[in-house]
C-alpha atoms as a PDB file:
ATOM      1  CA  MET A   1      19.553 -29.746 -16.361  1.00  0.00           C
ATOM      2  CA  ASP A   2      21.123 -27.079 -18.548  1.00  0.00           C
ATOM      3  CA  LEU A   3      22.542 -24.232 -16.451  1.00  0.00           C
ATOM      4  CA  THR A   4      21.083 -21.650 -18.797  1.00  0.00           C
ATOM      5  CA  ALA A   5      17.574 -23.028 -18.244  1.00  0.00           C
ATOM      6  CA  LEU A   6      18.094 -23.042 -14.488  1.00  0.00           C
ATOM      7  CA  ALA A   7      19.376 -19.470 -14.591  1.00  0.00           C
ATOM      8  CA  ILE A   8      16.338 -18.338 -16.591  1.00  0.00           C
ATOM      9  CA  PHE A   9      14.040 -20.133 -14.147  1.00  0.00           C
ATOM     10  CA  ALA A  10      15.845 -18.569 -11.156  1.00  0.00           C
ATOM     11  CA  GLY A  11      15.618 -15.081 -12.660  1.00  0.00           C
ATOM     12  CA  ALA A  12      11.943 -15.379 -13.494  1.00  0.00           C
ATOM     13  CA  LEU A  13      11.164 -16.775 -10.046  1.00  0.00           C
ATOM     14  CA  ALA A  14      13.159 -14.032  -8.309  1.00  0.00           C
ATOM     15  CA  ILE A  15      11.146 -11.382 -10.142  1.00  0.00           C
ATOM     16  CA  SER A  16       7.854 -13.117  -9.386  1.00  0.00           C
ATOM     17  CA  ALA A  17       8.673 -13.876  -5.734  1.00  0.00           C
ATOM     18  CA  GLY A  18      10.188 -10.453  -5.114  1.00  0.00           C
ATOM     19  CA  SER A  19       7.168  -8.524  -6.329  1.00  0.00           C
ATOM     20  CA  PRO A  20       4.713  -7.818  -3.499  1.00  0.00           C
ATOM     21  CA  GLY A  21       1.763 -10.205  -3.362  1.00  0.00           C
ATOM     22  CA  PRO A  22      -0.531 -11.653  -0.681  1.00  0.00           C
ATOM     23  CA  SER A  23       2.174 -13.915   0.794  1.00  0.00           C
ATOM     24  CA  ILE A  24       4.837 -11.192   0.965  1.00  0.00           C
ATOM     25  CA  ALA A  25       2.316  -8.671   2.283  1.00  0.00           C
ATOM     26  CA  ALA A  26       1.291 -11.026   5.079  1.00  0.00           C
ATOM     27  CA  LEU A  27       4.935 -11.795   5.901  1.00  0.00           C
ATOM     28  CA  VAL A  28       6.028  -8.143   6.029  1.00  0.00           C
ATOM     29  CA  ALA A  29       2.994  -7.082   8.037  1.00  0.00           C
ATOM     30  CA  ARG A  30       3.679  -9.817  10.574  1.00  0.00           C
ATOM     31  CA  VAL A  31       7.335  -8.847  10.977  1.00  0.00           C
ATOM     32  CA  LEU A  32       6.494  -5.154  11.318  1.00  0.00           C
ATOM     33  CA  THR A  33       4.025  -5.764  14.124  1.00  0.00           C
ATOM     34  CA  ARG A  34       5.513  -8.775  15.951  1.00  0.00           C
ATOM     35  CA  GLY A  35       9.139  -9.044  14.873  1.00  0.00           C
ATOM     36  CA  TYR A  36      10.805 -11.920  13.070  1.00  0.00           C
ATOM     37  CA  SER A  37      11.198 -14.425  15.911  1.00  0.00           C
ATOM     38  CA  ASP A  38       8.046 -16.429  15.134  1.00  0.00           C
ATOM     39  CA  VAL A  39       7.808 -16.192  11.329  1.00  0.00           C
ATOM     40  CA  MET A  40       9.944 -19.211  10.422  1.00  0.00           C
ATOM     41  CA  PRO A  41       6.960 -21.646  10.435  1.00  0.00           C
ATOM     42  CA  PHE A  42       5.182 -19.224   8.091  1.00  0.00           C
ATOM     43  CA  LEU A  43       8.246 -19.147   5.801  1.00  0.00           C
ATOM     44  CA  PHE A  44       8.660 -22.938   5.824  1.00  0.00           C
ATOM     45  CA  ALA A  45       5.005 -23.306   4.856  1.00  0.00           C
ATOM     46  CA  MET A  46       5.403 -20.788   2.021  1.00  0.00           C
ATOM     47  CA  TRP A  47       8.381 -22.726   0.648  1.00  0.00           C
ATOM     48  CA  LEU A  48       6.548 -26.041   0.983  1.00  0.00           C
ATOM     49  CA  GLY A  49       3.526 -24.637  -0.828  1.00  0.00           C
ATOM     50  CA  GLU A  50       5.674 -23.443  -3.714  1.00  0.00           C
ATOM     51  CA  ALA A  51       7.430 -26.817  -3.876  1.00  0.00           C
ATOM     52  CA  ILE A  52       4.017 -28.487  -4.169  1.00  0.00           C
ATOM     53  CA  TRP A  53       3.011 -26.175  -7.026  1.00  0.00           C
ATOM     54  CA  LEU A  54       6.322 -26.886  -8.775  1.00  0.00           C
ATOM     55  CA  ALA A  55       5.745 -30.627  -8.412  1.00  0.00           C
ATOM     56  CA  CYS A  56       2.214 -30.209  -9.790  1.00  0.00           C
ATOM     57  CA  ALA A  57       3.595 -28.514 -12.881  1.00  0.00           C
ATOM     58  CA  VAL A  58       6.514 -30.892 -13.404  1.00  0.00           C
ATOM     59  CA  PHE A  59       4.631 -34.143 -12.891  1.00  0.00           C
ATOM     60  CA  GLY A  60       1.475 -33.122 -14.711  1.00  0.00           C
ATOM     61  CA  LEU A  61      -0.655 -32.948 -11.597  1.00  0.00           C
ATOM     62  CA  VAL A  62      -2.296 -29.773 -12.804  1.00  0.00           C
ATOM     63  CA  ALA A  63      -5.254 -31.832 -14.043  1.00  0.00           C
ATOM     64  CA  ILE A  64      -5.666 -33.311 -10.570  1.00  0.00           C
ATOM     65  CA  ALA A  65      -5.483 -29.861  -9.022  1.00  0.00           C
ATOM     66  CA  GLN A  66      -8.161 -28.665 -11.432  1.00  0.00           C
ATOM     67  CA  THR A  67     -10.324 -31.700 -10.602  1.00  0.00           C
ATOM     68  CA  PHE A  68     -10.206 -30.818  -6.907  1.00  0.00           C
ATOM     69  CA  GLN A  69     -10.804 -27.102  -7.340  1.00  0.00           C
ATOM     70  CA  GLY A  70     -13.270 -27.218  -4.476  1.00  0.00           C
ATOM     71  CA  LEU A  71     -10.571 -28.325  -2.051  1.00  0.00           C
ATOM     72  CA  PHE A  72      -8.215 -25.597  -3.226  1.00  0.00           C
ATOM     73  CA  ALA A  73     -11.036 -23.071  -2.854  1.00  0.00           C
ATOM     74  CA  VAL A  74     -11.602 -24.174   0.755  1.00  0.00           C
ATOM     75  CA  ILE A  75      -7.883 -23.816   1.498  1.00  0.00           C
ATOM     76  CA  LYS A  76      -7.833 -20.424  -0.205  1.00  0.00           C
ATOM     77  CA  TYR A  77     -10.727 -19.030   1.803  1.00  0.00           C
ATOM     78  CA  ALA A  78      -9.390 -20.499   5.023  1.00  0.00           C
ATOM     79  CA  GLY A  79      -6.216 -18.537   4.357  1.00  0.00           C
ATOM     80  CA  ILE A  80      -8.230 -15.403   3.649  1.00  0.00           C
ATOM     81  CA  ALA A  81     -10.181 -15.802   6.888  1.00  0.00           C
ATOM     82  CA  TYR A  82      -6.990 -16.227   8.890  1.00  0.00           C
ATOM     83  CA  LEU A  83      -5.388 -13.175   7.266  1.00  0.00           C
ATOM     84  CA  LEU A  84      -8.432 -11.139   8.262  1.00  0.00           C
ATOM     85  CA  TYR A  85      -8.204 -12.498  11.807  1.00  0.00           C
ATOM     86  CA  LEU A  86      -4.537 -11.478  11.986  1.00  0.00           C
ATOM     87  CA  ALA A  87      -5.448  -8.052  10.601  1.00  0.00           C
ATOM     88  CA  TRP A  88      -8.018  -7.601  13.363  1.00  0.00           C
ATOM     89  CA  LYS A  89      -5.489  -8.699  16.020  1.00  0.00           C
ATOM     90  CA  MET A  90      -2.943  -6.199  14.679  1.00  0.00           C
ATOM     91  CA  TRP A  91      -5.479  -3.371  14.538  1.00  0.00           C
ATOM     92  CA  THR A  92      -6.520  -3.909  18.166  1.00  0.00           C
ATOM     93  CA  ALA A  93      -3.013  -4.637  19.527  1.00  0.00           C
ATOM     94  CA  PRO A  94      -1.770  -2.520  22.494  1.00  0.00           C
ATOM     95  CA  SER A  95       0.056   0.643  21.452  1.00  0.00           C
ATOM     96  CA  THR A  96       2.527   0.780  24.345  1.00  0.00           C
ATOM     97  CA  ILE A  97       5.934  -0.667  23.621  1.00  0.00           C
ATOM     98  CA  GLU A  98       6.076  -2.905  26.698  1.00  0.00           C
ATOM     99  CA  GLU A  99       2.650  -4.433  26.091  1.00  0.00           C
ATOM    100  CA  HIS A 100       3.375  -4.726  22.405  1.00  0.00           C
ATOM    101  CA  GLU A 101       6.580  -6.653  22.996  1.00  0.00           C
ATOM    102  CA  ILE A 102       5.056  -9.150  25.422  1.00  0.00           C
ATOM    103  CA  ALA A 103       1.827  -9.649  23.492  1.00  0.00           C
ATOM    104  CA  PRO A 104       1.043 -13.335  22.962  1.00  0.00           C
ATOM    105  CA  ARG A 105       2.520 -14.762  19.773  1.00  0.00           C
ATOM    106  CA  THR A 106       0.767 -17.097  17.412  1.00  0.00           C
ATOM    107  CA  SER A 107       1.592 -20.791  17.820  1.00  0.00           C
ATOM    108  CA  PRO A 108       4.048 -22.302  15.292  1.00  0.00           C
ATOM    109  CA  LEU A 109       1.351 -24.659  13.975  1.00  0.00           C
ATOM    110  CA  ARG A 110      -1.097 -21.838  13.321  1.00  0.00           C
ATOM    111  CA  MET A 111       1.627 -19.797  11.642  1.00  0.00           C
ATOM    112  CA  PHE A 112       2.532 -22.804   9.479  1.00  0.00           C
ATOM    113  CA  LEU A 113      -1.075 -23.444   8.466  1.00  0.00           C
ATOM    114  CA  ALA A 114      -1.559 -19.766   7.675  1.00  0.00           C
ATOM    115  CA  GLY A 115       1.527 -19.666   5.471  1.00  0.00           C
ATOM    116  CA  PHE A 116       0.519 -22.877   3.713  1.00  0.00           C
ATOM    117  CA  ALA A 117      -3.036 -21.713   3.051  1.00  0.00           C
ATOM    118  CA  VAL A 118      -1.877 -18.327   1.767  1.00  0.00           C
ATOM    119  CA  THR A 119       0.638 -19.940  -0.604  1.00  0.00           C
ATOM    120  CA  ILE A 120      -1.525 -22.795  -1.917  1.00  0.00           C
ATOM    121  CA  GLY A 121      -4.439 -20.424  -2.473  1.00  0.00           C
ATOM    122  CA  ASN A 122      -2.343 -17.616  -4.003  1.00  0.00           C
ATOM    123  CA  PRO A 123      -3.345 -17.231  -7.693  1.00  0.00           C
ATOM    124  CA  LYS A 124      -0.093 -15.388  -8.477  1.00  0.00           C
ATOM    125  CA  ILE A 125       1.976 -18.415  -7.429  1.00  0.00           C
ATOM    126  CA  MET A 126      -0.355 -20.834  -9.196  1.00  0.00           C
ATOM    127  CA  VAL A 127      -0.133 -18.875 -12.454  1.00  0.00           C
ATOM    128  CA  PHE A 128       3.675 -18.833 -12.325  1.00  0.00           C
ATOM    129  CA  TYR A 129       4.038 -22.591 -11.960  1.00  0.00           C
ATOM    130  CA  VAL A 130       1.059 -23.716 -14.022  1.00  0.00           C
ATOM    131  CA  ALA A 131       1.135 -21.164 -16.850  1.00  0.00           C
ATOM    132  CA  LEU A 132       4.553 -19.486 -16.979  1.00  0.00           C
ATOM    133  CA  LEU A 133       6.885 -22.328 -16.008  1.00  0.00           C
ATOM    134  CA  PRO A 134       6.033 -24.440 -19.097  1.00  0.00           C
ATOM    135  CA  VAL A 135       7.005 -21.434 -21.239  1.00  0.00           C
ATOM    136  CA  ILE A 136      10.396 -21.214 -19.538  1.00  0.00           C
ATOM    137  CA  ILE A 137      11.187 -24.942 -19.405  1.00  0.00           C
ATOM    138  CA  ASP A 138      10.102 -27.915 -21.506  1.00  0.00           C
ATOM    139  CA  LEU A 139       8.443 -29.899 -18.723  1.00  0.00           C
ATOM    140  CA  SER A 140       8.063 -32.962 -20.932  1.00  0.00           C
ATOM    141  CA  GLN A 141      11.847 -33.381 -20.807  1.00  0.00           C
ATOM    142  CA  VAL A 142      12.223 -32.939 -17.034  1.00  0.00           C
ATOM    143  CA  THR A 143      13.618 -36.022 -15.273  1.00  0.00           C
ATOM    144  CA  LEU A 144      13.621 -36.735 -11.534  1.00  0.00           C
ATOM    145  CA  LEU A 145      17.130 -35.285 -11.324  1.00  0.00           C
ATOM    146  CA  ALA A 146      16.058 -32.182 -13.213  1.00  0.00           C
ATOM    147  CA  TRP A 147      13.050 -31.794 -10.895  1.00  0.00           C
ATOM    148  CA  ALA A 148      15.401 -32.007  -7.901  1.00  0.00           C
ATOM    149  CA  GLU A 149      17.618 -29.353  -9.468  1.00  0.00           C
ATOM    150  CA  LEU A 150      14.610 -27.119 -10.111  1.00  0.00           C
ATOM    151  CA  THR A 151      13.409 -27.596  -6.529  1.00  0.00           C
ATOM    152  CA  ALA A 152      16.853 -26.784  -5.115  1.00  0.00           C
ATOM    153  CA  THR A 153      17.092 -23.694  -7.303  1.00  0.00           C
ATOM    154  CA  MET A 154      13.600 -22.656  -6.250  1.00  0.00           C
ATOM    155  CA  LEU A 155      14.473 -22.973  -2.552  1.00  0.00           C
ATOM    156  CA  VAL A 156      17.691 -20.960  -2.914  1.00  0.00           C
ATOM    157  CA  VAL A 157      15.839 -18.155  -4.684  1.00  0.00           C
ATOM    158  CA  LEU A 158      12.888 -18.126  -2.283  1.00  0.00           C
ATOM    159  CA  VAL A 159      15.054 -18.236   0.838  1.00  0.00           C
ATOM    160  CA  ALA A 160      17.117 -15.298  -0.436  1.00  0.00           C
ATOM    161  CA  VAL A 161      14.113 -13.224  -1.495  1.00  0.00           C
ATOM    162  CA  ASP A 162      11.904 -13.921   1.518  1.00  0.00           C
ATOM    163  CA  LEU A 163      14.665 -13.417   4.086  1.00  0.00           C
ATOM    164  CA  ALA A 164      15.540 -10.128   2.373  1.00  0.00           C
ATOM    165  CA  TRP A 165      11.938  -9.000   2.932  1.00  0.00           C
ATOM    166  CA  VAL A 166      12.128 -10.131   6.562  1.00  0.00           C
ATOM    167  CA  LEU A 167      15.385  -8.200   7.042  1.00  0.00           C
ATOM    168  CA  LEU A 168      13.970  -5.030   5.496  1.00  0.00           C
ATOM    169  CA  ALA A 169      10.819  -5.214   7.619  1.00  0.00           C
ATOM    170  CA  SER A 170      12.862  -5.957  10.747  1.00  0.00           C
ATOM    171  CA  ARG A 171      15.141  -2.970  10.089  1.00  0.00           C
ATOM    172  CA  ALA A 172      12.131  -0.731   9.590  1.00  0.00           C
ATOM    173  CA  ARG A 173      10.650  -1.985  12.855  1.00  0.00           C
ATOM    174  CA  ARG A 174      13.700  -0.795  14.814  1.00  0.00           C
ATOM    175  CA  PHE A 175      12.674   2.793  14.237  1.00  0.00           C
ATOM    176  CA  ILE A 176       9.343   2.176  15.946  1.00  0.00           C
ATOM    177  CA  ARG A 177       9.641   3.310  19.548  1.00  0.00           C
ATOM    178  CA  SER A 178       6.802   5.643  20.596  1.00  0.00           C
ATOM    179  CA  PRO A 179       3.306   4.388  21.399  1.00  0.00           C
ATOM    180  CA  ARG A 180       1.972   6.445  18.477  1.00  0.00           C
ATOM    181  CA  ALA A 181       4.474   4.829  16.105  1.00  0.00           C
ATOM    182  CA  VAL A 182       3.566   1.373  17.421  1.00  0.00           C
ATOM    183  CA  ARG A 183      -0.141   2.076  16.924  1.00  0.00           C
ATOM    184  CA  LEU A 184       0.397   3.412  13.405  1.00  0.00           C
ATOM    185  CA  THR A 185       2.576   0.407  12.527  1.00  0.00           C
ATOM    186  CA  ASN A 186       0.012  -2.034  13.911  1.00  0.00           C
ATOM    187  CA  ARG A 187      -2.740  -0.424  11.881  1.00  0.00           C
ATOM    188  CA  ALA A 188      -0.604  -0.159   8.758  1.00  0.00           C
ATOM    189  CA  GLY A 189       0.218  -3.854   9.120  1.00  0.00           C
ATOM    190  CA  ALA A 190      -3.457  -4.655   9.634  1.00  0.00           C
ATOM    191  CA  THR A 191      -4.361  -2.690   6.515  1.00  0.00           C
ATOM    192  CA  VAL A 192      -1.722  -4.491   4.439  1.00  0.00           C
ATOM    193  CA  MET A 193      -2.883  -7.860   5.782  1.00  0.00           C
ATOM    194  CA  ALA A 194      -6.518  -7.074   4.997  1.00  0.00           C
ATOM    195  CA  ALA A 195      -5.506  -5.874   1.517  1.00  0.00           C
ATOM    196  CA  ALA A 196      -3.669  -9.165   0.955  1.00  0.00           C
ATOM    197  CA  ALA A 197      -6.819 -11.055   1.933  1.00  0.00           C
ATOM    198  CA  ALA A 198      -8.887  -8.891  -0.423  1.00  0.00           C
ATOM    199  CA  ALA A 199      -6.429  -9.513  -3.269  1.00  0.00           C
ATOM    200  CA  MET A 200      -6.737 -13.265  -2.766  1.00  0.00           C
ATOM    201  CA  ALA A 201     -10.523 -13.092  -2.525  1.00  0.00           C
ATOM    202  CA  THR A 202     -10.984 -11.076  -5.724  1.00  0.00           C
ATOM    203  CA  SER A 203      -8.404 -12.853  -7.888  1.00  0.00           C
ATOM    204  CA  LYS A 204      -9.283 -15.950  -9.921  1.00  0.00           C
END
């Protein structure tokens, strides 16, 4: 594929992925309250979800996705429910540093499923791949090789952007030491997580 087209795609994706949305909000809130050690399954699921949306756009599967809107709605609301559950867990988490650090972590599978549901059901991501991508690239001319190049470019951009968010949230978390700071951070994270769920629930 033409390097100019790939560069335009990468730039547009970086802007879209870098702007705060439900997925980024959930990721940052999780890192702020629990650290970064258990977020990789969530990240992998986010990247997989975006790869699926890219494939839908490239291979004309949008019609299939629209046919099974009910299934996507179920996935979307499952993600919303889990975000609200995480928000409640953050809000009620212990405020002492020792208890906070040894609090049980979510299993990798549950983190993966949460990340996948949030990404697949995220209207912002769907709009980018289904509506904006065809404006950037002539999808009728995309070959298997070009799709692979787009997918590789997508992964490079998303890994860079998402890990930058994780790093920023992790750095911010280092300044949290007192029980009051831990409690405020937990509740701020819970608020952000609940807001992300509300954004998904009210968007179409």
